[in-house]
Protein backbone atom coordinates (compact mmCIF):
# COMPACT_ATOMS: atom_id res chain seq x y z
CA MET A 1 41.23 26.44 -4.81
CA THR A 2 43.02 23.73 -3.19
CA ARG A 3 41.63 24.69 0.20
CA HIS A 4 38.33 24.53 -1.16
CA ILE A 5 38.72 21.00 -2.71
CA ILE A 6 39.89 20.02 0.82
CA THR A 7 36.70 21.55 2.24
CA GLY A 8 34.65 19.66 -0.20
CA LEU A 9 36.28 16.30 0.64
CA LYS A 10 35.53 16.94 4.34
CA GLY A 11 31.92 17.71 3.35
CA PHE A 12 31.96 14.54 1.31
CA LEU A 13 32.81 12.71 4.63
CA MET A 14 30.05 14.49 6.56
CA GLY A 15 27.56 13.64 3.98
CA ALA A 16 28.61 9.86 4.03
CA ALA A 17 28.29 10.08 8.02
CA ASN A 18 24.98 11.51 7.83
CA VAL A 19 23.56 8.86 5.56
CA VAL A 20 24.40 6.21 8.00
CA PRO A 21 22.40 6.01 11.12
CA GLY A 22 24.82 6.20 14.33
CA VAL A 23 27.49 8.37 12.94
CA SER A 24 27.26 12.09 13.26
CA GLY A 25 28.22 14.57 10.61
CA GLY A 26 29.09 17.01 13.70
CA THR A 27 31.61 14.26 14.83
CA ILE A 28 33.28 14.15 11.44
CA ALA A 29 33.34 17.96 11.57
CA LEU A 30 35.10 17.88 14.88
CA LEU A 31 37.40 15.43 13.67
CA THR A 32 38.47 17.36 10.42
CA GLY A 33 38.64 20.60 12.39
CA ILE A 34 35.91 22.70 10.88
CA TYR A 35 33.16 22.31 13.59
CA SER A 36 33.57 25.83 14.89
CA GLU A 37 33.74 27.31 11.54
CA ILE A 38 30.59 25.50 10.45
CA ILE A 39 28.67 26.86 13.44
CA ASP A 40 30.17 30.42 13.15
CA SER A 41 29.14 30.57 9.33
CA ILE A 42 25.62 29.31 10.03
CA ASN A 43 25.22 31.89 12.82
CA SER A 44 26.43 34.74 10.48
CA LEU A 45 23.39 33.92 8.38
CA MET A 46 21.17 35.04 11.16
CA VAL A 47 23.00 38.47 11.68
CA PRO A 48 20.79 41.23 10.13
CA ALA A 49 23.79 43.43 9.75
CA THR A 50 25.28 40.87 7.19
CA TYR A 51 22.21 41.36 4.79
CA LYS A 52 22.56 45.05 4.94
CA LYS A 53 25.80 44.86 2.90
CA LEU A 54 23.86 42.82 0.36
CA LEU A 55 21.09 45.47 0.13
CA HIS A 56 23.81 48.18 -0.41
CA GLY A 57 25.23 46.16 -3.28
CA ASN A 58 28.45 45.12 -1.53
CA PHE A 59 28.12 41.50 -2.49
CA ARG A 60 31.86 40.87 -1.90
CA GLU A 61 31.67 41.85 1.68
CA PHE A 62 28.48 40.01 2.11
CA TRP A 63 30.04 36.84 0.80
CA LYS A 64 32.91 37.33 3.03
CA SER A 65 30.69 37.73 6.06
CA ILE A 66 28.93 34.52 5.72
CA ASN A 67 32.07 32.70 4.74
CA GLY A 68 30.29 31.78 1.54
CA SER A 69 33.29 30.19 -0.54
CA PHE A 70 33.61 27.73 2.59
CA LEU A 71 29.82 26.90 2.95
CA THR A 72 29.51 26.39 -0.83
CA ALA A 73 32.56 23.97 -1.09
CA LEU A 74 31.16 22.05 2.01
CA LEU A 75 27.63 21.83 0.72
CA ILE A 76 28.86 20.50 -2.79
CA GLY A 77 30.82 17.74 -0.93
CA VAL A 78 27.68 16.90 1.30
CA ILE A 79 25.31 16.68 -1.69
CA LEU A 80 27.50 14.61 -3.85
CA SER A 81 28.06 12.16 -0.95
CA ILE A 82 24.36 11.77 0.05
CA PHE A 83 23.36 11.27 -3.59
CA SER A 84 26.18 8.75 -4.39
CA LEU A 85 25.51 6.50 -1.29
CA ALA A 86 21.71 6.60 -1.24
CA LYS A 87 21.38 3.79 -3.90
CA LEU A 88 23.80 1.71 -1.74
CA MET A 89 21.80 2.05 1.38
CA GLU A 90 18.56 1.55 -0.40
CA TYR A 91 19.96 -1.74 -1.71
CA VAL A 92 21.34 -3.21 1.46
CA LEU A 93 18.32 -2.46 3.44
CA ALA A 94 16.15 -4.28 0.88
CA TYR A 95 18.33 -7.25 0.40
CA TYR A 96 20.54 -7.49 3.76
CA PRO A 97 18.15 -5.97 6.43
CA ILE A 98 19.43 -7.99 9.37
CA GLN A 99 23.17 -7.38 8.74
CA THR A 100 22.65 -3.70 7.81
CA TRP A 101 20.39 -3.08 11.11
CA GLY A 102 23.23 -5.01 13.02
CA PHE A 103 25.89 -2.56 11.69
CA PHE A 104 23.64 0.34 12.53
CA PHE A 105 23.05 -1.04 16.08
CA GLY A 106 26.79 -1.43 16.78
CA MET A 107 27.40 1.92 15.54
CA ILE A 108 24.74 3.59 17.65
CA ALA A 109 25.44 1.66 20.71
CA ALA A 110 29.00 2.43 20.54
CA SER A 111 28.28 6.14 19.91
CA ALA A 112 26.13 6.18 23.07
CA VAL A 113 29.08 4.68 25.05
CA VAL A 114 31.49 7.27 23.67
CA MET A 115 29.03 10.05 24.55
CA LEU A 116 28.85 8.69 28.06
CA LEU A 117 32.68 8.40 28.51
CA ASP A 118 32.99 12.12 27.38
CA ILE A 119 31.09 13.06 30.42
CA LYS A 120 33.29 13.55 33.32
CA GLY A 121 32.43 13.89 37.14
CA TRP A 122 29.10 12.15 37.38
CA LYS A 123 26.53 13.26 40.00
CA ALA A 124 23.10 11.99 41.08
CA SER A 125 21.44 14.66 39.07
CA ASP A 126 23.30 13.41 35.89
CA PHE A 127 21.86 10.01 36.13
CA ILE A 128 18.43 11.48 36.34
CA TRP A 129 18.81 13.47 33.16
CA THR A 130 20.03 10.28 31.38
CA VAL A 131 17.23 8.43 32.62
CA ILE A 132 14.84 11.09 31.39
CA GLY A 133 16.45 10.97 28.12
CA ALA A 134 16.36 7.12 27.92
CA ALA A 135 12.54 7.40 28.80
CA LEU A 136 11.86 9.72 26.10
CA GLY A 137 13.82 7.59 23.66
CA VAL A 138 11.89 4.54 24.48
CA ALA A 139 8.58 6.47 24.50
CA VAL A 140 9.13 7.96 21.17
CA CYS A 141 10.07 4.68 19.62
CA THR A 142 7.23 2.47 21.07
CA LEU A 143 4.59 5.13 20.79
CA SER A 144 5.41 6.48 17.34
CA PRO A 145 3.78 4.29 14.50
CA THR A 146 5.55 1.98 12.17
CA THR A 147 4.45 3.97 9.28
CA THR A 148 4.20 7.77 9.24
CA PRO A 149 2.58 9.93 6.82
CA ASP A 150 4.16 10.91 3.46
CA THR A 151 2.51 14.45 3.45
CA ALA A 152 4.62 17.41 2.53
CA LEU A 153 4.21 18.96 5.99
CA PHE A 154 5.44 15.93 7.76
CA VAL A 155 8.41 15.50 5.31
CA PHE A 156 9.11 19.19 5.94
CA LEU A 157 9.02 18.76 9.57
CA CYS A 158 11.39 15.76 9.35
CA GLY A 159 13.98 17.87 7.38
CA ALA A 160 13.69 20.71 9.99
CA ILE A 161 14.29 18.35 12.86
CA ALA A 162 17.01 16.14 11.29
CA ILE A 163 19.22 18.81 10.07
CA CYS A 164 19.50 20.32 13.70
CA THR A 165 20.65 17.06 14.95
CA MET A 166 23.07 16.52 12.06
CA ILE A 167 25.26 19.32 13.40
CA LEU A 168 25.30 17.96 17.09
CA PRO A 169 28.42 15.81 17.59
CA GLY A 170 27.40 12.34 18.56
CA VAL A 171 23.69 12.56 17.36
CA SER A 172 22.95 11.12 13.78
CA GLY A 173 20.38 12.98 11.74
CA SER A 174 19.74 9.69 9.85
CA PHE A 175 19.06 8.27 13.22
CA VAL A 176 16.37 10.86 13.83
CA LEU A 177 14.80 10.06 10.33
CA LEU A 178 14.75 6.36 11.57
CA ILE A 179 12.80 7.41 14.53
CA LEU A 180 10.33 9.45 12.45
CA GLY A 181 9.92 6.63 10.14
CA LYS A 182 11.33 8.33 7.13
CA TYR A 183 14.77 7.10 6.63
CA GLU A 184 13.97 4.57 3.86
CA TYR A 185 11.66 7.01 2.32
CA ILE A 186 14.14 9.80 1.97
CA MET A 187 16.84 7.67 0.87
CA SER A 188 14.43 6.28 -1.85
CA ALA A 189 13.67 9.78 -2.94
CA VAL A 190 17.33 10.78 -3.13
CA SER A 191 18.00 7.44 -4.99
CA ALA A 192 15.01 8.36 -7.58
CA LEU A 193 15.80 11.85 -7.61
CA ASP A 194 12.33 12.80 -6.74
CA THR A 195 12.60 16.55 -6.95
CA LYS A 196 9.19 16.98 -5.14
CA VAL A 197 10.03 15.10 -1.99
CA LEU A 198 13.61 16.43 -1.96
CA GLY A 199 12.44 20.00 -2.38
CA VAL A 200 10.24 19.83 0.45
CA PHE A 201 12.83 18.08 2.74
CA GLY A 202 15.45 20.48 1.57
CA LEU A 203 13.19 23.66 2.41
CA GLY A 204 12.66 22.00 5.84
CA CYS A 205 16.33 21.69 6.35
CA ILE A 206 17.02 25.27 5.34
CA ILE A 207 14.40 26.76 7.64
CA GLY A 208 15.18 24.35 10.53
CA ILE A 209 18.96 25.08 10.54
CA LEU A 210 18.36 28.86 10.31
CA ALA A 211 15.56 28.77 12.85
CA PHE A 212 17.39 26.52 15.51
CA SER A 213 21.09 27.21 14.83
CA LYS A 214 20.78 30.15 17.31
CA PHE A 215 18.77 28.19 19.82
CA LEU A 216 21.18 25.22 19.69
CA HIS A 217 24.10 27.39 20.07
CA TRP A 218 22.38 29.02 23.22
CA THR A 219 21.36 25.60 24.77
CA LEU A 220 24.73 24.08 24.28
CA GLU A 221 26.47 27.21 25.70
CA ARG A 222 24.31 27.18 28.83
CA PHE A 223 23.14 23.80 29.55
CA GLU A 224 25.60 21.82 27.55
CA ARG A 225 25.86 19.14 30.29
CA GLN A 226 22.13 18.48 30.77
CA THR A 227 21.56 18.69 26.93
CA MET A 228 24.17 16.04 26.24
CA LEU A 229 22.91 13.66 28.98
CA ILE A 230 19.36 13.88 27.73
CA LEU A 231 20.71 13.28 24.25
CA VAL A 232 22.80 10.23 25.22
CA GLY A 233 19.73 8.90 27.24
CA PHE A 234 17.76 9.32 24.35
CA VAL A 235 20.13 7.44 21.94
CA ILE A 236 20.21 4.57 24.45
CA GLY A 237 16.50 4.30 24.78
CA SER A 238 16.10 4.37 20.97
CA LEU A 239 18.24 1.31 20.49
CA ILE A 240 15.09 -0.83 20.33
CA LYS A 241 14.11 0.91 17.02
CA VAL A 242 17.26 -0.42 15.30
CA TRP A 243 17.35 -3.98 16.86
CA PRO A 244 18.12 -6.14 13.78
CA TRP A 245 15.06 -8.29 14.20
CA ALA A 246 12.55 -5.68 14.98
CA ASN A 247 11.03 -5.38 11.50
CA LEU A 248 10.04 -9.10 10.51
CA ASP A 249 8.09 -7.66 7.44
CA ALA A 250 11.52 -6.32 6.07
CA ILE A 251 13.17 -9.56 6.93
CA ALA A 252 10.23 -11.58 5.23
CA ALA A 253 10.40 -9.32 2.20
CA ALA A 254 14.12 -10.05 1.85
CA GLY A 255 13.55 -13.80 1.86
CA THR A 256 15.00 -14.46 5.55
CA ALA A 257 11.70 -15.06 7.47
CA ASP A 258 12.70 -18.63 8.38
CA MET A 259 13.62 -18.26 12.05
CA SER A 260 16.55 -20.66 11.68
CA SER A 261 18.06 -18.45 8.98
CA LEU A 262 18.03 -15.17 10.72
CA HIS A 263 21.73 -14.60 10.12
CA ILE A 264 22.55 -14.33 13.76
CA PRO A 265 26.32 -14.61 13.33
CA GLY A 266 26.16 -12.29 10.40
CA ALA A 267 24.36 -9.81 12.60
CA ILE A 268 26.77 -10.04 15.43
CA LEU A 269 29.65 -9.74 13.04
CA TRP A 270 28.21 -6.63 11.56
CA MET A 271 27.47 -5.17 15.05
CA VAL A 272 31.02 -5.67 16.06
CA ILE A 273 32.10 -3.94 12.61
CA GLY A 274 29.84 -1.01 13.41
CA LEU A 275 31.03 -0.76 16.87
CA ALA A 276 34.72 -0.75 15.73
CA SER A 277 34.34 1.86 13.30
CA VAL A 278 32.95 4.32 15.92
CA VAL A 279 35.78 3.38 18.23
CA LEU A 280 38.24 3.92 15.31
CA LEU A 281 36.66 7.48 14.76
CA GLN A 282 36.76 8.31 18.27
CA ALA A 283 40.46 7.35 18.58
CA LEU A 284 41.29 9.52 15.53
CA SER A 285 39.38 12.31 17.13
CA VAL A 286 41.35 11.99 20.44
CA LYS A 287 44.56 11.96 18.40
CA LYS A 288 43.44 15.22 16.43
CA LYS A 289 42.92 16.85 19.70
């Protein structure tokens, strides 16, 4: 029971990380020493032999094969964290958009730097992969509309895409929702307990993680360097999406439309705080290793 409670607490930290754009739940999983167990448990769900045990009525062996107790404790922690923090994120985005986006900008910029430092022995081809990723990031952010459809199909796709990035160290699922224009929409749905939206989004998450876990595992196993270079480039190019003064409509709605009161010192302060938090996490991760 103690082990399951500790796993739940680790899940709570992962959920908190996934609520904040710029912090990866995968990074928290690495830091807390459960990343490999998560990947192995998810992969076990895609093994046909696992379900033969269930069909033969051997539920105990099936539960053991998928590491069911671990996944359940982890999922409970993640869900509790997301639902408890959603209202806070909705509030700060509504009333303190500049400071909040400044915090996100600092975290995402620091995450990109950390990812770059993790890559050793740079070659000319590495710079090309990074530039390709950065170009993709800029293209997605500049070409994507400010508002995206709230249709069930698009929400489903957002869930499927976001959940895959949530298990990648250094890449934030919430950041992907930002790029897709659905971060505030999903946070509002969580805050309001909109079961219809959350059901569709959750279904997308389930299908996405099952469909892409094998692919992600295969990609990182065979093309880890190129994949990470493209990802870090994408994060760098996408920083324009979280620039604190990018959304003047949100600033105006918060009552800070006057150019003389755009809270530049506050934004800089929160950028530094966001940057420092990622540096601290990285330091703890290195110490853990």
